[in-house]
Amino acid sequence: MLGWTLMFLVIAVIAGLFGFTGIAGAAAGIAKIIFFIFIVLLVISLVANAIRGKAPRA
């Protein structure tokens, strides 16, 4: 999921450099949404693992 976020961020930067501000804004918005979804899923996963009491694998 972070890979998608980085891809949209790169698209936003490249589009911004070439002057496509609409595309850059849309790509940055998508990257932001995907990043926050990743953070929410990460927190849910950490809480679920803490509740189950299993130690993370190394």
N, C-alpha and C. Protein backbone atom coordinates (compact mmCIF):
# COMPACT_ATOMS: atom_id res chain seq x y z
N MET A 1 0.83 -1.19 0.00
CA MET A 1 0.00 0.00 0.00
C MET A 1 0.87 1.25 0.00
N LEU A 2 1.99 1.17 0.69
CA LEU A 2 2.88 2.32 0.66
C LEU A 2 3.50 2.51 -0.72
N GLY A 3 3.63 1.42 -1.46
CA GLY A 3 4.12 1.52 -2.82
C GLY A 3 3.20 2.35 -3.70
N TRP A 4 1.89 2.13 -3.55
CA TRP A 4 0.91 2.93 -4.30
C TRP A 4 1.00 4.39 -3.90
N THR A 5 1.16 4.64 -2.60
CA THR A 5 1.26 6.02 -2.12
C THR A 5 2.47 6.72 -2.74
N LEU A 6 3.61 6.03 -2.73
CA LEU A 6 4.81 6.63 -3.31
C LEU A 6 4.66 6.85 -4.81
N MET A 7 3.98 5.92 -5.50
CA MET A 7 3.77 6.08 -6.94
C MET A 7 2.94 7.32 -7.23
N PHE A 8 1.84 7.51 -6.50
CA PHE A 8 1.01 8.69 -6.71
C PHE A 8 1.74 9.97 -6.32
N LEU A 9 2.59 9.90 -5.31
CA LEU A 9 3.37 11.07 -4.92
C LEU A 9 4.35 11.46 -6.01
N VAL A 10 5.00 10.47 -6.62
CA VAL A 10 5.93 10.75 -7.72
C VAL A 10 5.18 11.32 -8.92
N ILE A 11 4.01 10.77 -9.21
CA ILE A 11 3.19 11.30 -10.30
C ILE A 11 2.83 12.75 -10.02
N ALA A 12 2.47 13.05 -8.78
CA ALA A 12 2.10 14.43 -8.43
C ALA A 12 3.28 15.37 -8.60
N VAL A 13 4.47 14.95 -8.18
CA VAL A 13 5.64 15.82 -8.30
C VAL A 13 6.00 16.04 -9.77
N ILE A 14 5.98 14.98 -10.56
CA ILE A 14 6.32 15.12 -11.98
C ILE A 14 5.28 15.98 -12.69
N ALA A 15 4.02 15.76 -12.41
CA ALA A 15 2.96 16.56 -13.04
C ALA A 15 3.08 18.02 -12.61
N GLY A 16 3.43 18.26 -11.37
CA GLY A 16 3.62 19.63 -10.90
C GLY A 16 4.78 20.31 -11.57
N LEU A 17 5.85 19.58 -11.81
CA LEU A 17 7.01 20.16 -12.49
C LEU A 17 6.69 20.55 -13.93
N PHE A 18 5.83 19.76 -14.58
CA PHE A 18 5.47 20.06 -15.96
C PHE A 18 4.29 21.03 -16.06
N GLY A 19 3.74 21.46 -14.95
CA GLY A 19 2.68 22.46 -14.96
C GLY A 19 1.27 21.92 -15.00
N PHE A 20 1.11 20.62 -14.87
CA PHE A 20 -0.23 20.03 -14.85
C PHE A 20 -0.75 20.06 -13.41
N THR A 21 -1.18 21.22 -12.97
CA THR A 21 -1.54 21.38 -11.56
C THR A 21 -2.79 20.58 -11.18
N GLY A 22 -3.72 20.41 -12.11
CA GLY A 22 -4.92 19.63 -11.80
C GLY A 22 -4.59 18.18 -11.54
N ILE A 23 -3.76 17.61 -12.40
CA ILE A 23 -3.36 16.22 -12.23
C ILE A 23 -2.50 16.08 -10.97
N ALA A 24 -1.63 17.06 -10.74
CA ALA A 24 -0.76 17.00 -9.56
C ALA A 24 -1.60 17.05 -8.28
N GLY A 25 -2.60 17.90 -8.25
CA GLY A 25 -3.45 17.99 -7.07
C GLY A 25 -4.25 16.72 -6.83
N ALA A 26 -4.76 16.15 -7.92
CA ALA A 26 -5.53 14.92 -7.79
C ALA A 26 -4.65 13.77 -7.32
N ALA A 27 -3.45 13.65 -7.89
CA ALA A 27 -2.55 12.57 -7.49
C ALA A 27 -2.10 12.74 -6.05
N ALA A 28 -1.85 13.97 -5.64
CA ALA A 28 -1.47 14.22 -4.25
C ALA A 28 -2.62 13.88 -3.30
N GLY A 29 -3.83 14.20 -3.70
CA GLY A 29 -5.00 13.86 -2.88
C GLY A 29 -5.17 12.36 -2.73
N ILE A 30 -5.01 11.64 -3.83
CA ILE A 30 -5.11 10.18 -3.78
C ILE A 30 -4.02 9.60 -2.90
N ALA A 31 -2.80 10.12 -3.03
CA ALA A 31 -1.69 9.64 -2.21
C ALA A 31 -1.97 9.87 -0.72
N LYS A 32 -2.56 11.01 -0.41
CA LYS A 32 -2.88 11.31 0.99
C LYS A 32 -3.93 10.35 1.53
N ILE A 33 -4.96 10.09 0.75
CA ILE A 33 -6.02 9.18 1.18
C ILE A 33 -5.47 7.77 1.41
N ILE A 34 -4.68 7.27 0.46
CA ILE A 34 -4.11 5.93 0.60
C ILE A 34 -3.20 5.85 1.81
N PHE A 35 -2.43 6.92 2.06
CA PHE A 35 -1.53 6.93 3.22
C PHE A 35 -2.33 6.85 4.52
N PHE A 36 -3.42 7.61 4.63
CA PHE A 36 -4.21 7.56 5.86
C PHE A 36 -4.91 6.22 6.03
N ILE A 37 -5.33 5.60 4.93
CA ILE A 37 -5.90 4.26 5.03
C ILE A 37 -4.85 3.29 5.55
N PHE A 38 -3.61 3.42 5.06
CA PHE A 38 -2.51 2.58 5.54
C PHE A 38 -2.30 2.77 7.04
N ILE A 39 -2.30 4.01 7.51
CA ILE A 39 -2.09 4.29 8.93
C ILE A 39 -3.20 3.66 9.77
N VAL A 40 -4.45 3.78 9.33
CA VAL A 40 -5.58 3.20 10.05
C VAL A 40 -5.45 1.68 10.12
N LEU A 41 -5.12 1.05 9.00
CA LEU A 41 -4.96 -0.40 9.00
C LEU A 41 -3.78 -0.84 9.86
N LEU A 42 -2.71 -0.06 9.88
CA LEU A 42 -1.57 -0.36 10.74
C LEU A 42 -1.96 -0.33 12.21
N VAL A 43 -2.70 0.69 12.61
CA VAL A 43 -3.12 0.81 14.01
C VAL A 43 -4.06 -0.34 14.38
N ILE A 44 -4.98 -0.68 13.49
CA ILE A 44 -5.90 -1.79 13.76
C ILE A 44 -5.11 -3.09 13.92
N SER A 45 -4.14 -3.29 13.06
CA SER A 45 -3.33 -4.50 13.15
C SER A 45 -2.53 -4.55 14.45
N LEU A 46 -1.95 -3.44 14.84
CA LEU A 46 -1.18 -3.41 16.08
C LEU A 46 -2.06 -3.66 17.30
N VAL A 47 -3.25 -3.08 17.32
CA VAL A 47 -4.17 -3.27 18.44
C VAL A 47 -4.64 -4.72 18.48
N ALA A 48 -4.96 -5.29 17.32
CA ALA A 48 -5.42 -6.68 17.28
C ALA A 48 -4.33 -7.63 17.79
N ASN A 49 -3.08 -7.39 17.39
CA ASN A 49 -1.98 -8.22 17.86
C ASN A 49 -1.75 -8.05 19.37
N ALA A 50 -1.93 -6.84 19.87
CA ALA A 50 -1.75 -6.59 21.30
C ALA A 50 -2.84 -7.29 22.11
N ILE A 51 -4.05 -7.30 21.59
CA ILE A 51 -5.17 -7.94 22.30
C ILE A 51 -4.99 -9.45 22.32
N ARG A 52 -4.54 -10.02 21.20
CA ARG A 52 -4.32 -11.47 21.15
C ARG A 52 -3.15 -11.90 22.01
N GLY A 53 -2.23 -11.01 22.28
CA GLY A 53 -1.10 -11.32 23.13
C GLY A 53 0.03 -12.06 22.46
N LYS A 54 0.03 -12.11 21.16
CA LYS A 54 1.11 -12.78 20.44
C LYS A 54 2.27 -11.80 20.22
N ALA A 55 3.46 -12.32 20.40
CA ALA A 55 4.64 -11.49 20.14
C ALA A 55 4.88 -11.43 18.64
N PRO A 56 5.33 -10.28 18.16
CA PRO A 56 5.61 -10.19 16.72
C PRO A 56 6.80 -11.07 16.34
N ARG A 57 6.73 -11.64 15.14
CA ARG A 57 7.80 -12.52 14.67
C ARG A 57 8.98 -11.68 14.21
N ALA A 58 10.16 -12.21 14.48
CA ALA A 58 11.36 -11.48 14.08
C ALA A 58 11.83 -11.88 12.71
